[in-house]
Amino acid sequence: MKYIFTLIICAIVLTCNAQHHHHLKKKYDFSNVDPATIDKEELRQEVENARIRSGYDSLKALEHYVHTTDEDQFATLAIGYQHAFASFDNLRRELSPLGFNNIKEDMSNFLVSLDLYKNRFMMSYIFTPGFRNLSSNENYELRIRRRAFEAGIGYDLIKNKHFDLFPQISIGFQDFNLRVEQKNQNVNDIPDLLDEIVNTSMRKRTFIFTYGGEFDYKFYTKDRGRIILGVRSAQVVEPGDGRVRVNGKKSDLKIDDEIASSTISFVIKMVPGGRHVR
């Protein structure tokens, strides 16, 4: 229906334009008309009324509206919060006998995304620096953090003035860091100085594939700018075991826990207004 309506509108515009140019080119004989007997203001009003009745004025207004509001190519920066759902059953089981309190499994991330829109496609470059989760016992502190970078693409299924729905797929990598630090590092004698102070970090980097979608709601400002509120949800797949390093060196240590099985994100985007007819 949209395409049929567009064709009808184009046909009307072409017809009105043709009539407009035809009237300009057509010659008329007004030699018998005395201009002094014509009310110029009344004539001007009659011409204006005829132009409005022809539909040409409304079509030009429609053309201006479409060009200034249907901008389908722009870039915007999204910021927000991402919540990653993890499973640390194995890690918690290993640390429990050592007196560590339960490690919070879900991971929180700040989200920054560069989103490029064109012809209903959205290309996203997503970076999520993570907030740390902290656990401790009497002598040690344990901190874990997840970060990720992804590049993804989506296609809008709705194409509505206020709503967008983008199924998305993306590829990238995630970085999981576990760091152990000794709380009390007091040195009272030479033997204490020779004792190794625990300050160990473990890092696991893995390639990830995600699939999901984003739902957006758009507010319009007076100058036709946009404020976009979005919700993203994705399932996370790790195709391989990843690479583990302990204190910067390769290690045979295996981490079997799920660092992130899925994520949900809340974002806000702003698109400047003030666009003009192209």
C-alpha atoms as a PDB file:
ATOM      1  CA  MET A   1       0.000   0.000   0.000  1.00  0.00           C
ATOM      2  CA  LYS A   2       2.862   2.353   0.786  1.00  0.00           C
ATOM      3  CA  TYR A   3       4.312   1.999  -2.706  1.00  0.00           C
ATOM      4  CA  ILE A   4       0.898   2.431  -4.359  1.00  0.00           C
ATOM      5  CA  PHE A   5       0.270   5.580  -2.313  1.00  0.00           C
ATOM      6  CA  THR A   6       3.690   6.930  -3.271  1.00  0.00           C
ATOM      7  CA  LEU A   7       3.001   6.319  -6.982  1.00  0.00           C
ATOM      8  CA  ILE A   8      -0.344   8.115  -6.728  1.00  0.00           C
ATOM      9  CA  ILE A   9       1.266  11.097  -4.992  1.00  0.00           C
ATOM     10  CA  CYS A  10       4.012  11.271  -7.649  1.00  0.00           C
ATOM     11  CA  ALA A  11       1.414  11.153 -10.417  1.00  0.00           C
ATOM     12  CA  ILE A  12      -0.546  14.010  -8.836  1.00  0.00           C
ATOM     13  CA  VAL A  13       2.611  16.098  -8.400  1.00  0.00           C
ATOM     14  CA  LEU A  14       3.629  15.522 -12.023  1.00  0.00           C
ATOM     15  CA  THR A  15       0.138  16.420 -13.210  1.00  0.00           C
ATOM     16  CA  CYS A  16       0.045  19.611 -11.150  1.00  0.00           C
ATOM     17  CA  ASN A  17       3.505  20.585 -12.319  1.00  0.00           C
ATOM     18  CA  ALA A  18       2.553  19.912 -15.918  1.00  0.00           C
ATOM     19  CA  GLN A  19      -0.563  22.043 -15.600  1.00  0.00           C
ATOM     20  CA  HIS A  20       1.420  24.756 -13.860  1.00  0.00           C
ATOM     21  CA  HIS A  21       4.016  24.940 -16.632  1.00  0.00           C
ATOM     22  CA  HIS A  22       1.339  24.533 -19.313  1.00  0.00           C
ATOM     23  CA  HIS A  23      -0.519  27.595 -18.035  1.00  0.00           C
ATOM     24  CA  LEU A  24       2.693  29.577 -17.940  1.00  0.00           C
ATOM     25  CA  LYS A  25       3.515  28.725 -21.567  1.00  0.00           C
ATOM     26  CA  LYS A  26      -0.003  29.084 -22.955  1.00  0.00           C
ATOM     27  CA  LYS A  27      -0.732  32.468 -24.559  1.00  0.00           C
ATOM     28  CA  TYR A  28      -3.873  34.417 -23.725  1.00  0.00           C
ATOM     29  CA  ASP A  29      -5.355  37.526 -25.360  1.00  0.00           C
ATOM     30  CA  PHE A  30      -6.318  40.133 -22.733  1.00  0.00           C
ATOM     31  CA  SER A  31      -6.322  43.125 -25.136  1.00  0.00           C
ATOM     32  CA  ASN A  32     -10.025  43.741 -24.474  1.00  0.00           C
ATOM     33  CA  VAL A  33      -9.567  43.816 -20.690  1.00  0.00           C
ATOM     34  CA  ASP A  34      -9.220  47.176 -18.977  1.00  0.00           C
ATOM     35  CA  PRO A  35      -6.823  46.639 -15.998  1.00  0.00           C
ATOM     36  CA  ALA A  36      -8.291  49.712 -14.280  1.00  0.00           C
ATOM     37  CA  THR A  37     -11.596  47.901 -13.875  1.00  0.00           C
ATOM     38  CA  ILE A  38     -10.032  44.883 -12.132  1.00  0.00           C
ATOM     39  CA  ASP A  39      -9.791  44.700  -8.351  1.00  0.00           C
ATOM     40  CA  LYS A  40      -6.166  43.595  -7.977  1.00  0.00           C
ATOM     41  CA  GLU A  41      -6.539  42.306  -4.424  1.00  0.00           C
ATOM     42  CA  GLU A  42      -9.609  40.280  -5.369  1.00  0.00           C
ATOM     43  CA  LEU A  43      -7.737  38.870  -8.386  1.00  0.00           C
ATOM     44  CA  ARG A  44      -4.762  37.906  -6.218  1.00  0.00           C
ATOM     45  CA  GLN A  45      -7.079  36.141  -3.768  1.00  0.00           C
ATOM     46  CA  GLU A  46      -8.838  34.253  -6.563  1.00  0.00           C
ATOM     47  CA  VAL A  47      -5.487  33.058  -7.916  1.00  0.00           C
ATOM     48  CA  GLU A  48      -4.414  31.922  -4.433  1.00  0.00           C
ATOM     49  CA  ASN A  49      -7.701  30.068  -3.912  1.00  0.00           C
ATOM     50  CA  ALA A  50      -7.353  28.331  -7.263  1.00  0.00           C
ATOM     51  CA  ARG A  51      -3.812  27.261  -6.419  1.00  0.00           C
ATOM     52  CA  ILE A  52      -4.878  25.816  -3.070  1.00  0.00           C
ATOM     53  CA  ARG A  53      -7.850  24.003  -4.632  1.00  0.00           C
ATOM     54  CA  SER A  54      -5.548  22.430  -7.211  1.00  0.00           C
ATOM     55  CA  GLY A  55      -3.665  20.601  -4.453  1.00  0.00           C
ATOM     56  CA  TYR A  56      -0.281  21.908  -5.533  1.00  0.00           C
ATOM     57  CA  ASP A  57       0.274  23.798  -2.269  1.00  0.00           C
ATOM     58  CA  SER A  58      -0.538  20.798  -0.069  1.00  0.00           C
ATOM     59  CA  LEU A  59       1.709  18.550  -2.151  1.00  0.00           C
ATOM     60  CA  LYS A  60       4.627  20.965  -1.769  1.00  0.00           C
ATOM     61  CA  ALA A  61       3.997  21.014   1.979  1.00  0.00           C
ATOM     62  CA  LEU A  62       3.960  17.199   1.998  1.00  0.00           C
ATOM     63  CA  GLU A  63       7.210  17.118   0.041  1.00  0.00           C
ATOM     64  CA  HIS A  64       8.842  19.474   2.565  1.00  0.00           C
ATOM     65  CA  TYR A  65       7.595  17.373   5.502  1.00  0.00           C
ATOM     66  CA  VAL A  66       8.899  14.106   4.024  1.00  0.00           C
ATOM     67  CA  HIS A  67      12.346  15.538   3.320  1.00  0.00           C
ATOM     68  CA  THR A  68      12.702  17.081   6.767  1.00  0.00           C
ATOM     69  CA  THR A  69      11.366  14.183   8.844  1.00  0.00           C
ATOM     70  CA  ASP A  70      12.165  10.982   6.970  1.00  0.00           C
ATOM     71  CA  GLU A  71      15.957  11.230   7.308  1.00  0.00           C
ATOM     72  CA  ASP A  72      17.102   7.593   7.106  1.00  0.00           C
ATOM     73  CA  GLN A  73      20.870   8.122   7.193  1.00  0.00           C
ATOM     74  CA  PHE A  74      22.510   9.377  10.372  1.00  0.00           C
ATOM     75  CA  ALA A  75      24.929   8.408  13.136  1.00  0.00           C
ATOM     76  CA  THR A  76      24.444   8.656  16.872  1.00  0.00           C
ATOM     77  CA  LEU A  77      26.236   7.742  20.077  1.00  0.00           C
ATOM     78  CA  ALA A  78      24.344   5.555  22.527  1.00  0.00           C
ATOM     79  CA  ILE A  79      25.184   5.379  26.210  1.00  0.00           C
ATOM     80  CA  GLY A  80      23.608   3.166  28.822  1.00  0.00           C
ATOM     81  CA  TYR A  81      23.844   0.223  31.191  1.00  0.00           C
ATOM     82  CA  GLN A  82      24.343  -3.471  30.402  1.00  0.00           C
ATOM     83  CA  HIS A  83      23.599  -6.380  32.718  1.00  0.00           C
ATOM     84  CA  ALA A  84      25.319  -9.676  31.886  1.00  0.00           C
ATOM     85  CA  PHE A  85      23.988 -12.935  33.334  1.00  0.00           C
ATOM     86  CA  ALA A  86      26.846 -15.274  34.323  1.00  0.00           C
ATOM     87  CA  SER A  87      27.310 -18.600  36.100  1.00  0.00           C
ATOM     88  CA  PHE A  88      30.275 -19.054  38.469  1.00  0.00           C
ATOM     89  CA  ASP A  89      29.305 -22.366  40.080  1.00  0.00           C
ATOM     90  CA  ASN A  90      32.784 -23.903  39.681  1.00  0.00           C
ATOM     91  CA  LEU A  91      34.628 -20.793  40.864  1.00  0.00           C
ATOM     92  CA  ARG A  92      32.395 -20.394  43.902  1.00  0.00           C
ATOM     93  CA  ARG A  93      32.796 -24.075  44.790  1.00  0.00           C
ATOM     94  CA  GLU A  94      36.599 -23.768  44.703  1.00  0.00           C
ATOM     95  CA  LEU A  95      36.691 -20.561  46.764  1.00  0.00           C
ATOM     96  CA  SER A  96      34.088 -21.484  49.379  1.00  0.00           C
ATOM     97  CA  PRO A  97      36.460 -23.622  51.574  1.00  0.00           C
ATOM     98  CA  LEU A  98      38.883 -20.662  51.660  1.00  0.00           C
ATOM     99  CA  GLY A  99      36.340 -18.485  53.421  1.00  0.00           C
ATOM    100  CA  PHE A 100      35.417 -16.186  50.534  1.00  0.00           C
ATOM    101  CA  ASN A 101      31.916 -14.843  50.684  1.00  0.00           C
ATOM    102  CA  ASN A 102      29.718 -15.594  47.706  1.00  0.00           C
ATOM    103  CA  ILE A 103      30.809 -13.917  44.489  1.00  0.00           C
ATOM    104  CA  LYS A 104      28.045 -12.021  42.773  1.00  0.00           C
ATOM    105  CA  GLU A 105      27.478 -13.810  39.483  1.00  0.00           C
ATOM    106  CA  ASP A 106      25.754 -11.147  37.404  1.00  0.00           C
ATOM    107  CA  MET A 107      28.139  -8.626  35.843  1.00  0.00           C
ATOM    108  CA  SER A 108      27.386  -4.913  35.434  1.00  0.00           C
ATOM    109  CA  ASN A 109      28.781  -2.852  32.562  1.00  0.00           C
ATOM    110  CA  PHE A 110      28.712   0.726  31.352  1.00  0.00           C
ATOM    111  CA  LEU A 111      27.799   0.712  27.640  1.00  0.00           C
ATOM    112  CA  VAL A 112      28.964   2.992  24.824  1.00  0.00           C
ATOM    113  CA  SER A 113      27.809   2.318  21.257  1.00  0.00           C
ATOM    114  CA  LEU A 114      28.333   4.067  17.933  1.00  0.00           C
ATOM    115  CA  ASP A 115      25.195   3.370  15.862  1.00  0.00           C
ATOM    116  CA  LEU A 116      25.098   4.078  12.120  1.00  0.00           C
ATOM    117  CA  TYR A 117      21.675   4.120  10.409  1.00  0.00           C
ATOM    118  CA  LYS A 118      20.987   3.819   6.672  1.00  0.00           C
ATOM    119  CA  ASN A 119      17.955   2.488   4.774  1.00  0.00           C
ATOM    120  CA  ARG A 120      16.538   0.669   7.836  1.00  0.00           C
ATOM    121  CA  PHE A 121      19.892  -0.990   8.591  1.00  0.00           C
ATOM    122  CA  MET A 122      21.751  -0.224  11.823  1.00  0.00           C
ATOM    123  CA  MET A 123      25.466  -0.949  12.254  1.00  0.00           C
ATOM    124  CA  SER A 124      26.631  -0.885  15.881  1.00  0.00           C
ATOM    125  CA  TYR A 125      30.090  -0.788  17.430  1.00  0.00           C
ATOM    126  CA  ILE A 126      29.592  -1.592  21.121  1.00  0.00           C
ATOM    127  CA  PHE A 127      32.103  -1.229  23.957  1.00  0.00           C
ATOM    128  CA  THR A 128      31.205  -2.267  27.513  1.00  0.00           C
ATOM    129  CA  PRO A 129      33.798  -1.475  30.195  1.00  0.00           C
ATOM    130  CA  GLY A 130      32.819  -3.456  33.259  1.00  0.00           C
ATOM    131  CA  PHE A 131      32.302  -2.645  36.913  1.00  0.00           C
ATOM    132  CA  ARG A 132      34.097  -4.925  39.359  1.00  0.00           C
ATOM    133  CA  ASN A 133      32.509  -7.560  41.597  1.00  0.00           C
ATOM    134  CA  LEU A 134      34.293  -7.882  44.955  1.00  0.00           C
ATOM    135  CA  SER A 135      34.661 -10.838  47.322  1.00  0.00           C
ATOM    136  CA  SER A 136      37.004 -11.263  50.300  1.00  0.00           C
ATOM    137  CA  ASN A 137      38.050 -13.368  53.259  1.00  0.00           C
ATOM    138  CA  GLU A 138      40.173 -12.505  56.280  1.00  0.00           C
ATOM    139  CA  ASN A 139      43.422 -12.114  54.317  1.00  0.00           C
ATOM    140  CA  TYR A 140      42.607 -11.621  50.643  1.00  0.00           C
ATOM    141  CA  GLU A 141      40.426  -9.618  48.292  1.00  0.00           C
ATOM    142  CA  LEU A 142      39.188 -11.093  45.015  1.00  0.00           C
ATOM    143  CA  ARG A 143      37.919  -8.877  42.215  1.00  0.00           C
ATOM    144  CA  ILE A 144      36.346  -9.926  38.928  1.00  0.00           C
ATOM    145  CA  ARG A 145      35.453  -7.784  35.944  1.00  0.00           C
ATOM    146  CA  ARG A 146      34.060  -8.388  32.426  1.00  0.00           C
ATOM    147  CA  ARG A 147      34.617  -6.172  29.389  1.00  0.00           C
ATOM    148  CA  ALA A 148      33.521  -6.709  25.795  1.00  0.00           C
ATOM    149  CA  PHE A 149      33.736  -5.202  22.346  1.00  0.00           C
ATOM    150  CA  GLU A 150      31.272  -6.131  19.585  1.00  0.00           C
ATOM    151  CA  ALA A 151      30.405  -5.139  16.026  1.00  0.00           C
ATOM    152  CA  GLY A 152      26.874  -5.965  14.927  1.00  0.00           C
ATOM    153  CA  ILE A 153      24.203  -5.300  12.331  1.00  0.00           C
ATOM    154  CA  GLY A 154      20.412  -5.137  12.527  1.00  0.00           C
ATOM    155  CA  TYR A 155      17.425  -4.430  10.270  1.00  0.00           C
ATOM    156  CA  ASP A 156      14.303  -2.504  11.286  1.00  0.00           C
ATOM    157  CA  LEU A 157      11.175  -4.628  10.855  1.00  0.00           C
ATOM    158  CA  ILE A 158       8.624  -1.918  11.733  1.00  0.00           C
ATOM    159  CA  LYS A 159       9.661   1.373  10.051  1.00  0.00           C
ATOM    160  CA  ASN A 160       7.347   3.418  12.248  1.00  0.00           C
ATOM    161  CA  LYS A 161       7.582   7.082  13.229  1.00  0.00           C
ATOM    162  CA  HIS A 162       7.914   6.248  16.929  1.00  0.00           C
ATOM    163  CA  PHE A 163       8.895   2.563  17.106  1.00  0.00           C
ATOM    164  CA  ASP A 164      11.811   0.518  15.735  1.00  0.00           C
ATOM    165  CA  LEU A 165      12.529  -3.188  16.122  1.00  0.00           C
ATOM    166  CA  PHE A 166      15.975  -4.407  15.075  1.00  0.00           C
ATOM    167  CA  PRO A 167      16.833  -8.121  15.125  1.00  0.00           C
ATOM    168  CA  GLN A 168      20.628  -8.104  15.519  1.00  0.00           C
ATOM    169  CA  ILE A 169      23.662 -10.344  15.246  1.00  0.00           C
ATOM    170  CA  SER A 170      27.198  -9.404  16.265  1.00  0.00           C
ATOM    171  CA  ILE A 171      30.704 -10.747  16.686  1.00  0.00           C
ATOM    172  CA  GLY A 172      33.431  -9.609  19.058  1.00  0.00           C
ATOM    173  CA  PHE A 173      35.459 -10.626  22.063  1.00  0.00           C
ATOM    174  CA  GLN A 174      35.129 -10.482  25.824  1.00  0.00           C
ATOM    175  CA  ASP A 175      37.801 -10.056  28.456  1.00  0.00           C
ATOM    176  CA  PHE A 176      37.358 -11.595  31.910  1.00  0.00           C
ATOM    177  CA  ASN A 177      39.795 -10.538  34.639  1.00  0.00           C
ATOM    178  CA  LEU A 178      40.173 -12.109  38.092  1.00  0.00           C
ATOM    179  CA  ARG A 179      42.566 -10.423  40.519  1.00  0.00           C
ATOM    180  CA  VAL A 180      43.648 -11.533  44.022  1.00  0.00           C
ATOM    181  CA  GLU A 181      45.366  -9.107  46.407  1.00  0.00           C
ATOM    182  CA  GLN A 182      46.653  -9.636  49.925  1.00  0.00           C
ATOM    183  CA  LYS A 183      44.994  -7.340  52.467  1.00  0.00           C
ATOM    184  CA  ASN A 184      47.738  -7.175  55.106  1.00  0.00           C
ATOM    185  CA  GLN A 185      51.198  -6.484  53.721  1.00  0.00           C
ATOM    186  CA  ASN A 186      52.942  -5.422  56.942  1.00  0.00           C
ATOM    187  CA  VAL A 187      56.648  -6.309  57.005  1.00  0.00           C
ATOM    188  CA  ASN A 188      58.242  -6.512  60.492  1.00  0.00           C
ATOM    189  CA  ASP A 189      61.444  -8.467  59.868  1.00  0.00           C
ATOM    190  CA  ILE A 190      63.671  -9.855  57.108  1.00  0.00           C
ATOM    191  CA  PRO A 191      61.873 -13.249  56.911  1.00  0.00           C
ATOM    192  CA  ASP A 192      58.603 -11.383  56.318  1.00  0.00           C
ATOM    193  CA  LEU A 193      60.308  -9.410  53.570  1.00  0.00           C
ATOM    194  CA  LEU A 194      61.397 -12.628  51.870  1.00  0.00           C
ATOM    195  CA  ASP A 195      57.894 -14.115  51.964  1.00  0.00           C
ATOM    196  CA  GLU A 196      56.048 -13.791  48.699  1.00  0.00           C
ATOM    197  CA  ILE A 197      53.219 -11.291  48.858  1.00  0.00           C
ATOM    198  CA  VAL A 198      50.199 -12.532  46.931  1.00  0.00           C
ATOM    199  CA  ASN A 199      49.229 -10.205  44.065  1.00  0.00           C
ATOM    200  CA  THR A 200      47.967 -12.398  41.246  1.00  0.00           C
ATOM    201  CA  SER A 201      45.767 -11.775  38.237  1.00  0.00           C
ATOM    202  CA  MET A 202      44.143 -14.159  35.785  1.00  0.00           C
ATOM    203  CA  ARG A 203      42.782 -12.990  32.431  1.00  0.00           C
ATOM    204  CA  LYS A 204      40.663 -14.947  29.982  1.00  0.00           C
ATOM    205  CA  ARG A 205      39.917 -13.589  26.512  1.00  0.00           C
ATOM    206  CA  THR A 206      37.391 -15.307  24.276  1.00  0.00           C
ATOM    207  CA  PHE A 207      35.784 -14.771  20.888  1.00  0.00           C
ATOM    208  CA  ILE A 208      32.001 -14.354  21.176  1.00  0.00           C
ATOM    209  CA  PHE A 209      28.971 -14.423  18.876  1.00  0.00           C
ATOM    210  CA  THR A 210      25.698 -12.818  19.965  1.00  0.00           C
ATOM    211  CA  TYR A 211      22.177 -12.760  18.576  1.00  0.00           C
ATOM    212  CA  GLY A 212      19.138 -10.853  19.793  1.00  0.00           C
ATOM    213  CA  GLY A 213      17.389  -7.566  19.118  1.00  0.00           C
ATOM    214  CA  GLU A 214      16.792  -3.939  20.048  1.00  0.00           C
ATOM    215  CA  PHE A 215      13.471  -2.187  20.575  1.00  0.00           C
ATOM    216  CA  ASP A 216      13.467   1.633  20.347  1.00  0.00           C
ATOM    217  CA  TYR A 217      10.963   4.367  21.135  1.00  0.00           C
ATOM    218  CA  LYS A 218      11.563   7.799  19.554  1.00  0.00           C
ATOM    219  CA  PHE A 219      10.602  11.236  20.842  1.00  0.00           C
ATOM    220  CA  TYR A 220      10.719  14.196  18.419  1.00  0.00           C
ATOM    221  CA  THR A 221      11.820  17.701  19.359  1.00  0.00           C
ATOM    222  CA  LYS A 222      10.434  20.898  17.838  1.00  0.00           C
ATOM    223  CA  ASP A 223      13.321  21.131  15.344  1.00  0.00           C
ATOM    224  CA  ARG A 224      12.725  17.498  14.275  1.00  0.00           C
ATOM    225  CA  GLY A 225      15.549  16.081  16.381  1.00  0.00           C
ATOM    226  CA  ARG A 226      15.119  12.722  18.060  1.00  0.00           C
ATOM    227  CA  ILE A 227      15.605  11.280  21.516  1.00  0.00           C
ATOM    228  CA  ILE A 228      15.692   7.478  21.314  1.00  0.00           C
ATOM    229  CA  LEU A 229      15.167   5.156  24.285  1.00  0.00           C
ATOM    230  CA  GLY A 230      16.171   1.571  23.580  1.00  0.00           C
ATOM    231  CA  VAL A 231      16.268  -1.892  25.134  1.00  0.00           C
ATOM    232  CA  ARG A 232      18.727  -4.483  23.799  1.00  0.00           C
ATOM    233  CA  SER A 233      18.684  -8.168  24.613  1.00  0.00           C
ATOM    234  CA  ALA A 234      21.178 -10.764  23.370  1.00  0.00           C
ATOM    235  CA  GLN A 235      22.250 -14.351  23.850  1.00  0.00           C
ATOM    236  CA  VAL A 236      26.025 -14.857  24.106  1.00  0.00           C
ATOM    237  CA  VAL A 237      27.815 -17.826  22.540  1.00  0.00           C
ATOM    238  CA  GLU A 238      31.500 -18.681  23.111  1.00  0.00           C
ATOM    239  CA  PRO A 239      32.644 -20.835  20.152  1.00  0.00           C
ATOM    240  CA  GLY A 240      35.971 -21.795  21.812  1.00  0.00           C
ATOM    241  CA  ASP A 241      37.739 -22.140  25.158  1.00  0.00           C
ATOM    242  CA  GLY A 242      39.595 -18.849  24.828  1.00  0.00           C
ATOM    243  CA  ARG A 243      43.067 -17.922  25.987  1.00  0.00           C
ATOM    244  CA  VAL A 244      44.026 -17.784  29.676  1.00  0.00           C
ATOM    245  CA  ARG A 245      47.000 -15.871  31.088  1.00  0.00           C
ATOM    246  CA  VAL A 246      48.166 -15.736  34.703  1.00  0.00           C
ATOM    247  CA  ASN A 247      50.229 -12.660  35.587  1.00  0.00           C
ATOM    248  CA  GLY A 248      50.635 -12.000  31.862  1.00  0.00           C
ATOM    249  CA  LYS A 249      51.985 -15.471  31.036  1.00  0.00           C
ATOM    250  CA  LYS A 250      50.301 -18.347  29.224  1.00  0.00           C
ATOM    251  CA  SER A 251      48.663 -20.862  31.517  1.00  0.00           C
ATOM    252  CA  ASP A 252      46.965 -24.249  31.340  1.00  0.00           C
ATOM    253  CA  LEU A 253      44.344 -23.079  33.839  1.00  0.00           C
ATOM    254  CA  LYS A 254      40.808 -23.843  32.698  1.00  0.00           C
ATOM    255  CA  ILE A 255      37.782 -21.698  33.500  1.00  0.00           C
ATOM    256  CA  ASP A 256      34.635 -23.696  32.743  1.00  0.00           C
ATOM    257  CA  ASP A 257      32.130 -21.189  34.094  1.00  0.00           C
ATOM    258  CA  GLU A 258      29.874 -19.105  31.837  1.00  0.00           C
ATOM    259  CA  ILE A 259      31.195 -15.545  31.960  1.00  0.00           C
ATOM    260  CA  ALA A 260      28.061 -14.245  30.207  1.00  0.00           C
ATOM    261  CA  SER A 261      25.232 -16.407  28.903  1.00  0.00           C
ATOM    262  CA  SER A 262      23.024 -13.438  27.984  1.00  0.00           C
ATOM    263  CA  THR A 263      22.852  -9.669  28.325  1.00  0.00           C
ATOM    264  CA  ILE A 264      20.210  -6.972  28.589  1.00  0.00           C
ATOM    265  CA  SER A 265      20.989  -3.291  27.978  1.00  0.00           C
ATOM    266  CA  PHE A 266      19.192   0.027  28.383  1.00  0.00           C
ATOM    267  CA  VAL A 267      20.404   2.865  26.147  1.00  0.00           C
ATOM    268  CA  ILE A 268      19.623   6.456  25.257  1.00  0.00           C
ATOM    269  CA  LYS A 269      20.522   8.170  21.972  1.00  0.00           C
ATOM    270  CA  MET A 270      20.179  11.737  20.722  1.00  0.00           C
ATOM    271  CA  VAL A 271      19.941  12.838  17.078  1.00  0.00           C
ATOM    272  CA  PRO A 272      20.282  16.607  16.436  1.00  0.00           C
ATOM    273  CA  GLY A 273      17.451  18.352  14.616  1.00  0.00           C
ATOM    274  CA  GLY A 274      17.447  21.329  12.278  1.00  0.00           C
ATOM    275  CA  ARG A 275      17.688  19.305   9.081  1.00  0.00           C
ATOM    276  CA  HIS A 276      16.792  21.061   5.842  1.00  0.00           C
ATOM    277  CA  VAL A 277      15.277  20.001   2.555  1.00  0.00           C
ATOM    278  CA  ARG A 278      17.854  18.259   0.417  1.00  0.00           C
END
